[in-house]
Protein backbone atom coordinates (compact mmCIF):
# COMPACT_ATOMS: atom_id res chain seq x y z
CA MET A 1 57.13 30.88 142.74
CA HIS A 2 56.37 34.34 143.42
CA GLU A 3 54.03 33.79 146.13
CA GLU A 4 56.05 31.32 147.82
CA ILE A 5 58.80 33.62 148.12
CA ILE A 6 56.78 36.73 149.06
CA ALA A 7 55.78 34.51 152.12
CA ALA A 8 58.64 32.98 152.98
CA SER A 9 60.49 36.61 153.23
CA ALA A 10 56.99 37.77 155.38
CA ALA A 11 58.18 34.79 157.94
CA LEU A 12 61.81 35.36 158.03
CA HIS A 13 61.26 38.79 158.46
CA GLU A 14 60.46 37.74 162.15
CA THR A 15 62.68 34.39 162.53
CA LEU A 16 66.02 36.20 161.52
CA ARG A 17 65.84 38.22 164.53
CA PRO A 18 68.24 38.27 166.58
CA GLU A 19 71.49 37.37 164.00
CA VAL A 20 69.71 40.10 161.03
CA ILE A 21 70.29 43.98 161.38
CA GLU A 22 67.29 45.65 160.67
CA THR A 23 69.00 48.40 158.63
CA PRO A 24 67.91 51.96 158.92
CA LEU A 25 66.44 54.14 155.90
CA VAL A 26 67.61 57.76 155.74
CA ARG A 27 67.72 60.61 153.46
CA ARG A 28 70.88 61.14 151.55
CA PRO A 29 69.91 64.65 150.16
CA ILE A 30 73.44 65.39 147.86
CA PHE A 31 71.73 62.95 145.26
CA ASP A 32 68.56 64.68 145.30
CA ARG A 33 67.58 65.77 141.89
CA ALA A 34 64.65 68.44 141.14
CA GLY A 35 61.75 67.11 142.60
CA CYS A 36 62.84 64.09 143.62
CA ARG A 37 64.13 62.99 147.26
CA VAL A 38 66.45 60.39 147.92
CA LEU A 39 65.91 57.51 150.81
CA ALA A 40 68.80 55.25 151.31
CA LYS A 41 68.13 51.59 152.66
CA LEU A 42 71.42 51.60 154.55
CA GLU A 43 72.35 47.25 153.45
CA ASN A 44 76.44 48.78 154.07
CA THR A 45 75.51 48.63 157.89
CA GLN A 46 74.35 44.90 157.82
CA HIS A 47 77.02 42.12 159.29
CA THR A 48 79.38 41.36 156.84
CA GLY A 49 79.11 44.75 155.45
CA SER A 50 76.12 43.62 152.94
CA PHE A 51 72.64 42.34 152.05
CA LYS A 52 74.44 38.65 151.75
CA TYR A 53 73.91 38.33 155.42
CA ARG A 54 70.25 37.88 155.00
CA GLY A 55 70.34 35.31 152.47
CA ALA A 56 73.19 33.31 153.66
CA THR A 57 71.36 32.66 157.22
CA ALA A 58 68.31 32.24 155.68
CA LYS A 59 69.72 29.17 153.98
CA LEU A 60 71.69 27.54 156.09
CA LYS A 61 68.82 27.90 159.50
CA SER A 62 66.96 26.11 157.15
CA LEU A 63 69.31 23.17 156.89
CA ALA A 64 68.61 20.14 158.88
CA PRO A 65 71.35 19.51 161.88
CA THR A 66 73.31 16.65 159.47
CA GLN A 67 73.35 19.05 156.58
CA LEU A 68 74.89 21.28 158.69
CA ALA A 69 77.50 18.96 160.17
CA SER A 70 78.43 17.53 157.14
CA GLY A 71 79.47 21.46 155.99
CA VAL A 72 78.46 24.21 153.11
CA VAL A 73 79.94 24.97 149.94
CA THR A 74 79.85 28.12 148.34
CA ALA A 75 80.95 29.91 145.70
CA SER A 76 81.43 34.27 145.93
CA THR A 77 83.19 36.95 144.24
CA GLY A 78 83.42 38.25 148.10
CA ASN A 79 80.12 39.26 149.94
CA HIS A 80 78.26 36.10 149.43
CA GLY A 81 81.33 34.08 150.73
CA ALA A 82 81.99 36.77 153.58
CA ALA A 83 77.96 36.22 154.65
CA VAL A 84 78.04 32.55 153.96
CA ALA A 85 81.29 31.99 156.17
CA LYS A 86 79.89 33.84 159.10
CA ALA A 87 76.54 32.34 159.26
CA ALA A 88 78.16 29.05 159.25
CA ALA A 89 80.64 30.09 162.20
CA GLN A 90 76.90 31.16 164.27
CA LEU A 91 75.89 27.53 163.58
CA GLY A 92 79.06 25.38 163.77
CA ALA A 93 79.17 24.57 160.04
CA ALA A 94 82.78 24.03 158.71
CA VAL A 95 82.60 26.12 155.12
CA GLU A 96 85.01 25.86 152.15
CA VAL A 97 84.34 29.14 149.24
CA PHE A 98 85.61 29.04 146.12
CA VAL A 99 86.28 32.53 144.49
CA SER A 100 87.13 33.95 141.28
CA ALA A 101 90.62 34.07 140.28
CA ASP A 102 90.17 37.84 139.63
CA ALA A 103 88.24 38.08 143.23
CA ASP A 104 88.93 41.53 145.34
CA ALA A 105 91.62 40.70 147.44
CA THR A 106 90.01 42.80 150.07
CA LYS A 107 86.88 40.78 150.13
CA VAL A 108 88.91 37.35 150.08
CA ALA A 109 90.91 38.05 153.31
CA ALA A 110 87.58 38.94 154.83
CA ILE A 111 86.68 35.49 153.77
CA ARG A 112 89.40 33.94 155.34
CA ASP A 113 89.12 35.91 158.30
CA LEU A 114 85.66 34.33 158.93
CA GLY A 115 87.27 30.67 159.28
CA ALA A 116 86.10 29.73 155.48
CA ALA A 117 88.67 27.87 153.36
CA ILE A 118 89.30 29.46 149.86
CA ARG A 119 89.79 27.56 146.43
CA THR A 120 89.82 29.95 143.43
CA ILE A 121 89.27 29.22 140.03
CA GLY A 122 90.07 31.07 136.66
CA GLY A 123 88.27 32.54 134.49
CA ASP A 124 84.34 34.16 135.02
CA PRO A 125 82.98 33.77 138.77
CA VAL A 126 80.38 31.21 136.59
CA ASN A 127 83.34 28.80 136.62
CA ALA A 128 83.34 28.86 140.36
CA GLU A 129 80.06 28.54 141.23
CA ALA A 130 80.30 25.25 138.32
CA ALA A 131 83.36 23.82 140.54
CA ALA A 132 81.48 24.91 144.07
CA ARG A 133 78.23 22.41 143.10
CA GLU A 134 81.03 19.95 141.88
CA GLU A 135 82.71 19.51 145.02
CA ALA A 136 79.21 20.07 147.33
CA GLN A 137 78.07 17.05 144.85
CA ARG A 138 81.52 15.06 145.46
CA GLY A 139 81.37 15.46 148.74
CA ARG A 140 78.18 14.99 150.02
CA LYS A 141 77.63 18.88 150.89
CA THR A 142 75.02 21.57 150.62
CA TYR A 143 75.68 24.24 147.96
CA VAL A 144 74.86 27.28 149.21
CA PRO A 145 73.56 29.80 145.81
CA PRO A 146 74.68 33.58 145.91
CA TYR A 147 71.55 34.04 144.15
CA ASN A 148 69.86 30.93 142.44
CA ASP A 149 67.22 29.54 145.10
CA ALA A 150 64.16 30.56 146.83
CA THR A 151 65.12 30.60 150.63
CA VAL A 152 68.38 32.91 149.29
CA ILE A 153 66.01 35.28 147.09
CA ALA A 154 64.03 35.26 150.45
CA GLY A 155 66.01 36.11 152.70
CA GLN A 156 67.35 39.47 149.99
CA GLY A 157 63.56 39.77 149.99
CA THR A 158 63.22 40.84 153.82
CA ILE A 159 64.64 44.07 152.84
CA ALA A 160 61.78 44.99 151.17
CA VAL A 161 59.04 43.93 154.12
CA GLU A 162 61.16 46.30 156.17
CA LEU A 163 60.79 49.18 154.06
CA THR A 164 56.83 48.59 154.34
CA HIS A 165 57.34 49.24 157.90
CA GLN A 166 59.50 51.42 157.52
CA THR A 167 57.96 54.20 155.07
CA GLU A 168 54.96 54.90 152.97
CA PRO A 169 54.49 53.90 149.13
CA PRO A 170 57.56 56.08 147.03
CA GLU A 171 57.73 55.96 143.09
CA ALA A 172 60.66 53.69 143.07
CA VAL A 173 62.74 51.47 144.30
CA ILE A 174 66.52 51.61 142.80
CA VAL A 175 68.42 48.00 143.26
CA ALA A 176 71.80 46.90 142.06
CA VAL A 177 71.78 43.78 139.51
CA GLY A 178 74.09 40.94 138.92
CA GLY A 179 72.55 37.75 139.37
CA GLY A 180 69.29 38.91 140.11
CA GLY A 181 68.70 37.65 143.64
CA LEU A 182 68.64 41.21 145.62
CA ILE A 183 66.21 42.58 143.15
CA SER A 184 64.11 39.59 143.13
CA GLY A 185 63.63 39.11 146.31
CA ILE A 186 62.91 43.24 147.01
CA ALA A 187 60.38 43.69 144.02
CA ALA A 188 58.24 40.19 145.01
CA THR A 189 57.50 41.56 148.17
CA LEU A 190 56.85 45.29 146.33
CA ARG A 191 54.81 43.89 143.88
CA ARG A 192 52.29 42.69 146.89
CA HIS A 193 52.43 45.84 149.02
CA TRP A 194 53.46 48.43 146.64
CA PRO A 195 51.82 47.33 143.42
CA ALA A 196 52.07 51.11 142.02
CA THR A 197 56.11 51.68 142.85
CA ARG A 198 58.15 51.32 140.15
CA VAL A 199 61.43 48.78 140.72
CA ILE A 200 64.61 49.88 138.95
CA GLY A 201 67.39 47.79 138.23
CA ALA A 202 70.70 49.51 137.43
CA SER A 203 73.67 47.37 135.98
CA ALA A 204 77.63 48.20 135.81
CA ALA A 205 77.47 48.79 131.94
CA ASN A 206 80.86 46.52 131.63
CA SER A 207 79.05 43.89 132.79
CA ALA A 208 75.54 43.90 132.82
CA ALA A 209 74.03 40.02 131.66
CA MET A 210 70.87 40.46 133.73
CA HIS A 211 70.05 43.33 131.81
CA HIS A 212 71.15 42.40 128.05
CA SER A 213 69.17 38.83 129.07
CA VAL A 214 66.26 40.25 130.17
CA ALA A 215 66.03 42.57 126.69
CA ALA A 216 67.25 39.56 124.75
CA GLY A 217 64.25 37.06 126.07
CA SER A 218 66.60 34.68 127.72
CA ILE A 219 69.98 34.27 129.34
CA ILE A 220 72.85 34.76 126.61
CA ASP A 221 76.35 35.06 127.15
CA VAL A 222 77.76 38.57 127.67
CA ASP A 223 81.01 39.67 127.43
CA HIS A 224 82.59 41.18 130.90
CA ARG A 225 85.17 43.85 131.11
CA ASP A 226 87.01 45.22 134.47
CA THR A 227 84.39 47.29 136.42
CA LEU A 228 84.34 49.03 140.10
CA SER A 229 80.98 47.33 140.66
CA ASP A 230 82.74 43.95 141.14
CA GLY A 231 79.91 42.43 143.80
CA THR A 232 77.41 42.51 140.61
CA ALA A 233 79.68 41.36 138.15
CA GLY A 234 79.78 38.18 135.96
CA GLY A 235 77.20 35.92 133.86
CA ILE A 236 74.01 34.01 135.23
CA GLU A 237 73.91 30.55 135.72
CA ALA A 238 71.62 28.73 133.37
CA ARG A 239 68.05 28.33 134.58
CA SER A 240 68.48 30.74 137.19
CA ILE A 241 65.20 31.02 138.53
CA THR A 242 65.88 34.99 138.87
CA PHE A 243 65.37 35.91 135.52
CA GLU A 244 61.85 34.94 135.13
CA MET A 245 61.60 37.19 138.24
CA CYS A 246 63.29 39.99 136.72
CA GLN A 247 61.55 39.88 134.06
CA THR A 248 58.24 40.04 135.21
CA LEU A 249 58.88 41.83 138.22
CA VAL A 250 61.65 44.75 137.69
CA THR A 251 60.13 47.70 135.75
CA ASP A 252 62.63 49.91 134.44
CA TRP A 253 66.57 48.97 133.51
CA ILE A 254 69.22 51.24 133.35
CA LEU A 255 73.18 50.79 132.55
CA ILE A 256 75.69 52.71 134.48
CA SER A 257 78.99 54.00 133.16
CA GLU A 258 82.34 53.34 135.06
CA ASP A 259 82.78 56.92 135.42
CA GLU A 260 79.18 57.58 136.78
CA ILE A 261 79.65 54.56 139.53
CA ALA A 262 82.81 56.21 140.48
CA SER A 263 80.92 60.01 140.97
CA ALA A 264 78.09 58.64 143.16
CA MET A 265 80.98 56.75 145.29
CA ARG A 266 82.86 60.11 146.00
CA ALA A 267 80.07 62.27 146.33
CA TYR A 268 78.71 59.63 148.75
CA MET A 269 81.57 59.00 150.95
CA ALA A 270 82.51 62.74 150.61
CA ASN A 271 79.52 63.40 152.18
CA TYR A 272 78.60 60.49 154.37
CA PRO A 273 80.60 58.85 157.49
CA ASP A 274 79.77 55.64 155.76
CA ARG A 275 81.50 53.41 152.82
CA ILE A 276 80.14 52.21 149.75
CA GLU A 277 81.06 49.79 147.13
CA GLY A 278 80.81 49.91 144.04
CA SER A 279 77.52 47.92 143.69
CA ALA A 280 76.16 50.94 146.01
CA GLY A 281 77.54 53.42 143.64
CA VAL A 282 76.11 51.42 140.35
CA ALA A 283 72.29 51.86 142.52
CA LEU A 284 73.38 55.34 143.27
CA ALA A 285 74.07 57.02 139.67
CA ALA A 286 70.68 55.75 138.48
CA VAL A 287 68.71 58.52 140.63
CA ASP A 288 70.79 60.65 137.41
CA ARG A 289 69.46 58.49 135.24
CA ALA A 290 65.66 57.70 135.57
CA ASP A 291 62.91 59.80 135.03
CA LEU A 292 61.90 60.25 138.39
CA SER A 293 59.93 62.83 140.98
CA GLY A 294 58.53 62.06 144.28
CA ARG A 295 60.67 60.07 147.30
CA VAL A 296 62.87 57.37 145.98
CA VAL A 297 64.08 54.82 148.20
CA VAL A 298 67.85 53.87 147.20
CA VAL A 299 69.41 50.12 148.35
CA VAL A 300 72.71 51.01 149.41
CA CYS A 301 73.56 47.01 149.17
CA GLY A 302 77.08 46.97 150.51
CA ARG A 303 80.23 48.77 151.92
CA ASN A 304 82.79 46.41 151.69
CA VAL A 305 85.60 48.22 148.82
CA SER A 306 89.29 47.86 148.57
CA ALA A 307 91.86 50.28 149.16
CA GLU A 308 92.99 50.04 146.11
CA THR A 309 89.37 51.08 144.59
CA LEU A 310 89.31 53.87 146.89
CA THR A 311 92.72 55.09 145.09
CA LYS A 312 91.32 54.41 141.41
CA ILE A 313 88.49 56.65 142.15
CA GLY A 314 90.20 59.25 143.76
CA MET A 315 89.30 58.57 147.87
CA SER A 316 92.17 58.35 150.24
CA ARG A 317 89.65 56.37 152.99
C-alpha cells in the first residue's frame, strides 16, 4: 500500500497541474527556538483555503465520466466538503455534502456557496460519514472519503513531493492529525526520499482519536470535547487504511492544549499577513513541545477560521 501511494503521489504531482497550486515554503522566524529554524508550507494558500483540495481533485479526476454524471457524495466538517464542491464544479458533477451538526457555520456556508447541497447529521462527524456512505450506495453515486482512500491520501502526499523539490531534508516535518490522510500521504513519500527526517503528528488534546488509537494499538473510541482545531476533530472510521500508515510511518506524537493552539494562532496572525485555522495552530504549537534542532517544516494546513473563533482567541481579523 505504501509503495502504491508513493508512486501515485509522484504521478499526481504532475497530473494535478494546473488545478492544484504548488504552495510556497517560507520562513516563519517568530516560531524559531534555540537551535531550531522554522519553515512553513503554506497550504492555507491552496484553492478553497486548505490542503484538502489536493485529495479531492485527485479523487474526482480518477472517476469515469459515467461516475461523474451520476454525482458524488461526501462528508466533512468543512474543508474537505469545500474542496470536493469546487473540484466537482470544475468537472461538471453534482455534489451533496453531509456535515455534522456542530460543524463550523462559516465553513458550511462556503461549501454551499460553491454549489453543493448540504445535509446536516447530528452527533460525531463519523455519523455524517456513515450517512453519506449510505446515501451514495442508495443513489448509486460515488462517495469521496475525507481521508480513508488511497487516491485521496496520494493527493495529499503531493505536498511532500513539492517539499523534496523545495528544500534539503529538514530534521522534522510537523503535521496536524485528524483522520490521518494528510500525515499518511506526506509520511509515505518522506520515508522514501528523506528517511532520516522525523514525521511528527500533532493533535488537539480535546479530540485526538488517532493519537490514542496508535498508543492503544488499535482504533478505539475516544471522548471528544470542543476544540479550536475543528478540522481535525472526531473519530476514525473503522478499518481506516490511515491507521496502519500512522502506526508505521509517524515517528513522534504530541498532544496540544487549547491554550497552546490559541497562542500559536495569535502569534502567527499578529506577525504574518495570512490567516490560519485551528488545525494549523496545532502544528505550529508543536514546535514548542518537540525536542528539535536544525531546520523544521510545519505544514500550515488551512486558513478557514470563523469570526467567532477569532473572537474566542482574542483576534479581530
